């Protein structure tokens, strides 16, 4: 019977039998079941051919669909003619529109950051009187700070790290391109020029409220343009700032490492021009040194306290035992503290040395490793503890996926 059903002539007979099924009830039950199976199979084939073909870029997306969502497994009950796909842009995301907006936003931020203008000044050193002559020439394209769309600018001049000797220009009314052309003299020995920095702060004068700061310029190297034997004109971009940068002071210390003994010696020599933390205008400073390993503090040691001074002298050695195999995992955090008999001790400033430190802190560490058994001394500028915490948190996050740093083991006895 099954062989007969597979015959094409038999199939045609079955289809005709379906049409007269309402008037011919004598059709065998086997024939009726075969007809139903054939019709269902034929209907599925037609529905599969009407399913629109998707592009290859959706292949990966269709893999994530559940099998219950396949179109071929859904019984609609009625045949629908296949509809041709019409390409349309409705519902599509156009990245270029969003990209243009983001670029415009970035440009607006960058323009705001660069809108503080420029300043022109010159430097010359008088060898006879041992005086640095600073000439403030003019400023250009300053931002407007007043409601009238103008400013009343003037400039403060410091020769850091000394902030007591402050000089400033005259105030120029209602202008964004003032011409100052004023000379200022700073007595300083020629040997100290390499350690000095020129700090220019541009302000907007306000008669009835606090003066608004426009920006600042810090020249770290006075010999950047010339040897100062003749007057040299310099143009600098005015960097945006809301308040004057506070000079926290500097600390001098030496580093010495003995690989055979696994001993690191940090000698705190002295500090200079520390920030005054007490009402008296002085501080009671001491130095705390912490041994860090991947952001975790392992040990800490500190010096003695020096009373009522901003330029303390210590000459005290602090020793840590660190085997050579751990030297690339550790760093030192040097904190200058102000002792307070009542209340908590305050942090004046910090600096850091180590393989993962930045700037001079990294260079000082590498120089110590390059010249073992030799003390290497440098001056380090103190920075605010908030800036340092952000750096350490970012670096500590990079070590989360790695194994934790083992505590330095005591070195073998020589």
Protein backbone atom coordinates (compact mmCIF):
# COMPACT_ATOMS: atom_id res chain seq x y z
CA UNK A 1 0.00 0.00 0.00
CA UNK A 2 2.87 2.36 0.83
CA UNK A 3 4.47 1.74 -2.57
CA UNK A 4 1.29 2.75 -4.26
CA UNK A 5 1.16 6.00 -2.31
CA UNK A 6 4.60 6.97 -3.57
CA UNK A 7 3.47 6.69 -7.19
CA UNK A 8 2.76 10.16 -8.76
CA UNK A 9 -0.41 8.89 -10.35
CA UNK A 10 -1.60 7.70 -6.98
CA UNK A 11 -0.90 11.14 -5.46
CA UNK A 12 -2.98 12.77 -8.11
CA UNK A 13 -5.77 10.37 -7.35
CA UNK A 14 -5.54 11.19 -3.67
CA UNK A 15 -5.80 14.92 -4.34
CA UNK A 16 -8.91 14.30 -6.40
CA UNK A 17 -10.28 12.11 -3.66
CA UNK A 18 -9.94 14.99 -1.21
CA UNK A 19 -12.16 17.16 -3.37
CA UNK A 20 -15.00 14.59 -3.31
CA UNK A 21 -14.47 13.62 0.28
CA UNK A 22 -17.66 15.44 1.30
CA UNK A 23 -19.82 13.41 -1.08
CA UNK A 24 -17.97 10.07 -1.02
CA UNK A 25 -17.77 8.73 2.53
CA UNK A 26 -16.59 5.32 1.31
CA UNK A 27 -12.92 6.37 0.91
CA UNK A 28 -10.73 4.06 3.07
CA UNK A 29 -9.25 5.48 6.30
CA UNK A 30 -5.67 4.70 5.17
CA UNK A 31 -6.15 6.81 2.09
CA UNK A 32 -7.49 9.72 4.15
CA UNK A 33 -4.48 9.62 6.55
CA UNK A 34 -2.01 9.54 3.63
CA UNK A 35 -3.72 12.49 2.02
CA UNK A 36 -3.54 14.56 5.18
CA UNK A 37 0.19 13.82 5.65
CA UNK A 38 0.90 14.73 2.06
CA UNK A 39 -1.00 18.02 2.29
CA UNK A 40 0.75 19.02 5.53
CA UNK A 41 4.17 18.17 4.06
CA UNK A 42 3.42 20.08 0.86
CA UNK A 43 2.20 23.13 2.86
CA UNK A 44 5.41 23.25 4.95
CA UNK A 45 7.56 23.22 1.83
CA UNK A 46 5.64 26.14 0.38
CA UNK A 47 5.87 28.16 3.62
CA UNK A 48 9.62 27.61 3.84
CA UNK A 49 10.06 28.98 0.33
CA UNK A 50 8.13 32.12 1.22
CA UNK A 51 10.36 32.96 4.21
CA UNK A 52 12.54 35.95 3.22
CA UNK A 53 16.25 35.30 3.12
CA UNK A 54 18.30 37.42 5.52
CA UNK A 55 21.68 38.91 4.80
CA UNK A 56 24.87 37.40 6.12
CA UNK A 57 25.39 40.22 8.67
CA UNK A 58 22.44 38.87 10.67
CA UNK A 59 23.73 35.30 10.77
CA UNK A 60 25.48 35.78 14.09
CA UNK A 61 22.42 37.42 15.56
CA UNK A 62 20.12 34.52 14.48
CA UNK A 63 22.32 32.02 16.24
CA UNK A 64 21.27 33.54 19.56
CA UNK A 65 17.55 33.23 18.81
CA UNK A 66 15.67 30.34 20.53
CA UNK A 67 14.58 27.53 18.28
CA UNK A 68 10.96 28.19 19.17
CA UNK A 69 11.19 31.47 17.26
CA UNK A 70 11.94 29.87 13.87
CA UNK A 71 9.40 31.04 11.30
CA UNK A 72 9.10 27.59 9.72
CA UNK A 73 7.77 26.08 12.96
CA UNK A 74 4.86 28.53 13.28
CA UNK A 75 1.53 27.38 11.84
CA UNK A 76 -0.30 30.41 10.47
CA UNK A 77 -3.24 28.40 9.19
CA UNK A 78 -3.46 30.31 5.88
CA UNK A 79 -1.13 30.76 2.96
CA UNK A 80 0.11 34.30 2.35
CA UNK A 81 1.78 35.42 -0.87
CA UNK A 82 5.49 36.24 -0.41
CA UNK A 83 6.14 39.97 -0.16
CA UNK A 84 9.27 41.45 -1.68
CA UNK A 85 11.65 43.21 0.73
CA UNK A 86 11.79 46.96 0.34
CA UNK A 87 15.00 48.60 1.57
CA UNK A 88 14.23 51.35 4.03
CA UNK A 89 16.18 53.51 6.45
CA UNK A 90 13.41 53.66 9.05
CA UNK A 91 14.63 52.38 12.40
CA UNK A 92 18.30 52.34 11.41
CA UNK A 93 20.88 54.16 13.51
CA UNK A 94 23.08 56.59 11.65
CA UNK A 95 26.37 56.80 13.57
CA UNK A 96 27.56 59.81 11.59
CA UNK A 97 24.86 61.97 13.17
CA UNK A 98 25.95 61.07 16.70
CA UNK A 99 29.61 61.27 15.80
CA UNK A 100 29.18 64.80 14.55
CA UNK A 101 27.55 65.84 17.80
CA UNK A 102 30.26 64.25 19.94
CA UNK A 103 32.97 65.87 17.86
CA UNK A 104 31.30 69.23 18.24
CA UNK A 105 31.11 68.69 21.99
CA UNK A 106 34.81 67.80 22.18
CA UNK A 107 35.70 70.82 20.10
CA UNK A 108 33.72 73.06 22.42
CA UNK A 109 35.56 71.67 25.44
CA UNK A 110 38.95 72.02 23.79
CA UNK A 111 38.17 75.58 22.73
CA UNK A 112 37.12 76.43 26.27
CA UNK A 113 40.38 75.01 27.57
CA UNK A 114 42.41 77.03 25.04
CA UNK A 115 40.53 80.29 25.45
CA UNK A 116 42.81 81.75 28.17
CA UNK A 117 44.99 83.54 25.63
CA UNK A 118 48.74 84.07 25.45
CA UNK A 119 51.29 86.18 27.31
CA UNK A 120 54.55 87.68 26.06
CA UNK A 121 57.49 88.35 28.42
CA UNK A 122 61.28 88.48 28.32
CA UNK A 123 64.12 87.43 30.66
CA UNK A 124 67.63 88.80 31.17
CA UNK A 125 70.22 88.33 33.90
CA UNK A 126 72.38 91.19 35.12
CA UNK A 127 75.70 89.65 36.21
CA UNK A 128 76.94 92.83 37.90
CA UNK A 129 74.03 93.20 40.29
CA UNK A 130 73.15 89.45 40.31
CA UNK A 131 69.56 90.25 39.39
CA UNK A 132 67.06 88.51 37.14
CA UNK A 133 65.10 91.08 35.13
CA UNK A 134 61.60 90.00 34.09
CA UNK A 135 59.83 92.20 31.55
CA UNK A 136 56.09 91.67 31.09
CA UNK A 137 55.35 92.88 27.57
CA UNK A 138 51.72 92.12 26.67
CA UNK A 139 48.89 89.61 26.69
CA UNK A 140 46.70 88.56 23.79
CA UNK A 141 43.16 87.19 23.41
CA UNK A 142 42.26 87.03 27.09
CA UNK A 143 38.81 85.71 28.05
CA UNK A 144 36.10 88.18 29.07
CA UNK A 145 35.32 88.08 32.80
CA UNK A 146 32.97 91.07 33.07
CA UNK A 147 29.35 91.37 31.95
CA UNK A 148 30.34 94.02 29.43
CA UNK A 149 32.38 91.43 27.50
CA UNK A 150 35.76 92.69 28.64
CA UNK A 151 38.27 92.32 31.51
CA UNK A 152 40.54 94.42 33.74
CA UNK A 153 43.71 92.29 33.66
CA UNK A 154 46.91 92.44 35.67
CA UNK A 155 49.78 89.98 36.27
CA UNK A 156 51.42 88.71 39.47
CA UNK A 157 55.04 87.55 39.23
CA UNK A 158 56.78 85.06 41.53
CA UNK A 159 60.25 83.51 41.40
CA UNK A 160 59.59 80.15 43.03
CA UNK A 161 60.09 78.64 45.49
CA UNK A 162 60.10 82.07 47.16
CA UNK A 163 56.52 83.36 47.37
CA UNK A 164 57.23 86.16 49.81
CA UNK A 165 58.74 88.33 47.08
CA UNK A 166 55.65 89.03 44.96
CA UNK A 167 55.44 91.71 42.29
CA UNK A 168 52.62 92.71 39.98
CA UNK A 169 51.80 94.93 37.03
CA UNK A 170 49.33 97.79 36.81
CA UNK A 171 45.67 97.09 36.09
CA UNK A 172 44.57 97.77 32.51
CA UNK A 173 40.90 98.69 32.21
CA UNK A 174 38.42 97.10 29.80
CA UNK A 175 40.74 95.28 27.43
CA UNK A 176 41.42 91.72 26.32
CA UNK A 177 44.77 92.59 24.69
CA UNK A 178 46.66 94.64 27.31
CA UNK A 179 50.15 96.04 26.74
CA UNK A 180 52.07 96.18 30.04
CA UNK A 181 55.75 96.79 29.17
CA UNK A 182 56.92 96.76 32.81
CA UNK A 183 60.23 95.59 34.33
CA UNK A 184 60.63 93.61 37.56
CA UNK A 185 63.89 92.79 39.38
CA UNK A 186 64.56 89.64 41.44
CA UNK A 187 67.90 89.49 43.28
CA UNK A 188 69.19 85.93 42.96
CA UNK A 189 72.69 84.41 42.59
CA UNK A 190 73.40 82.95 39.19
CA UNK A 191 74.12 79.51 40.70
CA UNK A 192 70.53 79.30 42.01
CA UNK A 193 68.79 80.06 38.70
CA UNK A 194 68.71 76.39 37.74
CA UNK A 195 66.58 75.64 40.84
CA UNK A 196 64.17 78.57 40.37
CA UNK A 197 60.85 78.70 38.50
CA UNK A 198 59.04 81.71 37.09
CA UNK A 199 55.34 81.82 37.96
CA UNK A 200 52.99 84.29 36.24
CA UNK A 201 49.37 84.55 37.42
CA UNK A 202 46.92 86.58 35.31
CA UNK A 203 43.95 88.09 37.19
CA UNK A 204 40.87 90.14 36.40
CA UNK A 205 40.50 93.08 38.77
CA UNK A 206 37.12 93.52 40.47
CA UNK A 207 36.48 96.54 42.68
CA UNK A 208 33.57 95.07 44.66
CA UNK A 209 34.42 91.39 45.00
CA UNK A 210 37.26 88.90 44.90
CA UNK A 211 39.49 89.13 41.85
CA UNK A 212 38.92 86.40 39.27
CA UNK A 213 41.88 84.33 38.16
CA UNK A 214 42.21 84.05 34.37
CA UNK A 215 45.10 81.57 34.26
CA UNK A 216 48.77 81.00 34.94
CA UNK A 217 52.11 80.24 33.32
CA UNK A 218 54.91 78.31 35.05
CA UNK A 219 58.35 78.34 33.43
CA UNK A 220 60.25 75.43 34.97
CA UNK A 221 63.51 76.07 33.13
CA UNK A 222 64.68 79.68 33.05
CA UNK A 223 67.33 78.74 30.48
CA UNK A 224 64.72 77.35 28.10
CA UNK A 225 65.17 80.07 25.47
CA UNK A 226 68.74 81.30 26.06
CA UNK A 227 71.53 81.62 28.63
CA UNK A 228 69.95 84.92 29.88
CA UNK A 229 73.00 86.94 28.87
CA UNK A 230 70.79 88.98 26.55
CA UNK A 231 67.10 89.78 26.62
CA UNK A 232 65.02 87.03 25.04
CA UNK A 233 61.31 87.33 24.21
CA UNK A 234 59.09 84.36 25.11
CA UNK A 235 55.46 83.59 24.20
CA UNK A 236 53.51 81.17 26.39
CA UNK A 237 49.95 79.88 26.43
CA UNK A 238 48.06 80.86 29.57
CA UNK A 239 46.85 77.68 31.26
CA UNK A 240 43.37 77.66 32.77
CA UNK A 241 43.30 77.81 36.59
CA UNK A 242 40.75 78.80 39.20
CA UNK A 243 43.25 79.44 42.00
CA UNK A 244 46.96 79.98 42.29
CA UNK A 245 49.09 76.86 42.43
CA UNK A 246 50.35 76.40 45.98
CA UNK A 247 54.01 75.52 46.35
CA UNK A 248 54.18 72.86 49.08
CA UNK A 249 57.96 72.81 49.26
CA UNK A 250 60.73 70.35 48.43
CA UNK A 251 62.54 67.50 50.12
CA UNK A 252 66.06 66.19 49.53
CA UNK A 253 66.89 62.56 50.22
CA UNK A 254 69.34 59.97 48.96
CA UNK A 255 68.80 56.35 47.94
CA UNK A 256 71.35 53.56 48.23
CA UNK A 257 70.85 49.84 47.61
CA UNK A 258 73.17 46.96 48.53
CA UNK A 259 72.20 43.92 46.40
CA UNK A 260 74.35 41.43 48.34
CA UNK A 261 72.75 42.36 51.67
CA UNK A 262 69.32 43.17 50.19
CA UNK A 263 69.29 46.50 52.04
CA UNK A 264 67.70 49.75 50.86
CA UNK A 265 68.76 52.92 52.69
CA UNK A 266 66.85 56.18 52.33
CA UNK A 267 68.58 59.13 53.99
CA UNK A 268 66.33 62.13 54.64
CA UNK A 269 68.67 65.10 54.33
CA UNK A 270 66.51 68.26 54.56
CA UNK A 271 63.43 70.15 53.34
CA UNK A 272 63.02 73.71 52.17
CA UNK A 273 60.21 76.22 51.72
CA UNK A 274 57.56 74.00 53.27
CA UNK A 275 54.00 75.25 53.45
CA UNK A 276 53.13 76.90 56.77
CA UNK A 277 50.47 74.85 58.56
CA UNK A 278 50.30 76.64 61.95
CA UNK A 279 48.86 80.03 62.90
CA UNK A 280 52.39 81.18 63.76
CA UNK A 281 53.41 80.93 60.11
CA UNK A 282 55.58 77.86 60.71
CA UNK A 283 55.22 74.09 60.91
CA UNK A 284 56.47 71.20 63.04
CA UNK A 285 57.53 68.87 60.23
CA UNK A 286 58.63 65.26 60.26
CA UNK A 287 59.01 62.74 57.44
CA UNK A 288 57.19 59.41 57.22
CA UNK A 289 58.41 56.78 54.71
CA UNK A 290 56.11 53.90 53.73
CA UNK A 291 57.17 50.75 51.87
CA UNK A 292 54.49 49.86 49.31
CA UNK A 293 54.01 46.69 47.31
CA UNK A 294 51.39 46.83 44.54
CA UNK A 295 49.47 49.53 46.43
CA UNK A 296 49.61 47.81 49.85
CA UNK A 297 51.64 49.30 52.68
CA UNK A 298 54.02 46.77 54.21
CA UNK A 299 56.09 48.90 56.58
CA UNK A 300 56.45 52.52 57.68
CA UNK A 301 59.15 54.48 59.50
CA UNK A 302 59.54 58.14 60.40
CA UNK A 303 62.10 60.76 61.39
CA UNK A 304 62.22 63.02 64.42
CA UNK A 305 60.06 66.17 64.63
CA UNK A 306 61.62 69.59 63.98
CA UNK A 307 59.82 72.42 65.78
CA UNK A 308 58.82 75.81 64.31
CA UNK A 309 60.60 75.68 60.98
CA UNK A 310 59.88 75.58 57.26
CA UNK A 311 63.43 74.48 56.38
CA UNK A 312 64.20 71.48 58.61
CA UNK A 313 67.48 69.55 58.49
CA UNK A 314 67.37 65.83 59.41
CA UNK A 315 70.28 63.73 58.09
CA UNK A 316 68.52 60.59 59.30
CA UNK A 317 68.74 57.16 57.65
CA UNK A 318 65.76 54.83 57.18
CA UNK A 319 66.54 51.20 56.27
CA UNK A 320 64.36 48.53 54.63
CA UNK A 321 65.36 44.92 53.95
CA UNK A 322 64.28 44.05 50.40
CA UNK A 323 65.71 41.12 48.40
CA UNK A 324 66.76 41.87 44.80
CA UNK A 325 63.96 39.77 43.28
CA UNK A 326 61.35 42.07 44.90
CA UNK A 327 62.87 45.41 43.89
CA UNK A 328 60.68 45.69 40.78
CA UNK A 329 57.52 45.24 42.88
CA UNK A 330 58.04 47.82 45.63
CA UNK A 331 58.02 51.60 45.85
CA UNK A 332 58.49 54.21 48.57
CA UNK A 333 55.97 56.86 49.58
CA UNK A 334 57.59 59.84 51.30
CA UNK A 335 55.16 62.02 53.25
CA UNK A 336 56.10 65.28 54.94
CA UNK A 337 53.80 65.71 57.95
CA UNK A 338 53.04 68.56 60.32
CA UNK A 339 52.92 67.41 63.94
CA UNK A 340 49.98 68.67 65.99
CA UNK A 341 49.83 68.07 69.73
CA UNK A 342 46.05 68.44 69.73
CA UNK A 343 44.19 66.68 66.93
CA UNK A 344 45.42 64.79 63.89
CA UNK A 345 48.75 65.38 62.19
CA UNK A 346 48.34 67.03 58.78
CA UNK A 347 50.00 66.08 55.52
CA UNK A 348 52.01 68.91 53.97
CA UNK A 349 52.87 67.03 50.78
CA UNK A 350 54.07 63.73 49.40
CA UNK A 351 56.31 62.27 46.71
CA UNK A 352 56.91 58.76 45.45
CA UNK A 353 59.89 56.82 44.09
CA UNK A 354 59.80 53.41 42.45
CA UNK A 355 59.80 51.54 39.18
CA UNK A 356 56.15 52.54 38.56
CA UNK A 357 56.49 56.16 39.72
CA UNK A 358 56.45 59.10 37.32
CA UNK A 359 59.08 61.62 36.34
CA UNK A 360 61.91 62.18 38.76
CA UNK A 361 60.61 59.49 41.12
CA UNK A 362 61.18 56.81 38.48
CA UNK A 363 64.49 58.29 37.29
CA UNK A 364 65.87 58.49 40.84
CA UNK A 365 64.94 54.83 41.45
CA UNK A 366 66.53 53.64 38.19
CA UNK A 367 69.70 55.62 38.90
CA UNK A 368 69.95 53.96 42.32
CA UNK A 369 69.68 50.50 40.71
CA UNK A 370 72.22 51.40 38.03
CA UNK A 371 74.81 52.46 40.64
CA UNK A 372 74.56 50.02 43.57
CA UNK A 373 76.30 50.76 46.88
CA UNK A 374 76.41 54.47 45.95
CA UNK A 375 74.11 57.09 47.60
CA UNK A 376 72.17 59.06 44.97
CA UNK A 377 70.63 62.36 46.22
CA UNK A 378 68.00 64.54 44.53
CA UNK A 379 65.53 67.30 45.37
CA UNK A 380 61.87 66.26 44.97
CA UNK A 381 58.89 68.60 44.79
CA UNK A 382 56.00 67.79 47.10
CA UNK A 383 52.53 67.34 45.63
CA UNK A 384 49.06 67.18 47.11
CA UNK A 385 48.05 63.83 48.50
CA UNK A 386 44.79 63.79 46.45
CA UNK A 387 46.66 63.66 43.15
CA UNK A 388 48.84 60.85 44.44
CA UNK A 389 45.86 58.78 45.63
CA UNK A 390 44.29 58.91 42.14
CA UNK A 391 47.52 57.66 40.61
CA UNK A 392 47.88 54.82 43.12
CA UNK A 393 44.27 53.73 42.74
CA UNK A 394 44.66 53.57 38.97
CA UNK A 395 47.86 51.60 39.23
CA UNK A 396 46.46 49.28 41.90
CA UNK A 397 43.52 48.46 39.63
CA UNK A 398 45.92 47.24 36.95
CA UNK A 399 47.29 44.67 39.40
CA UNK A 400 43.89 43.17 40.30
CA UNK A 401 44.14 40.56 37.57
CA UNK A 402 47.68 39.59 38.60
CA UNK A 403 48.88 37.65 41.56
CA UNK A 404 49.32 39.56 44.79
CA UNK A 405 52.73 40.79 45.72
CA UNK A 406 54.48 38.62 48.29
CA UNK A 407 55.89 40.28 51.34
CA UNK A 408 59.62 40.85 50.96
CA UNK A 409 61.47 37.98 52.56
CA UNK A 410 64.48 38.63 54.73
CA UNK A 411 67.63 38.41 52.63
CA UNK A 412 70.07 35.60 53.23
CA UNK A 413 72.91 36.38 55.55
CA UNK A 414 76.06 37.17 53.60
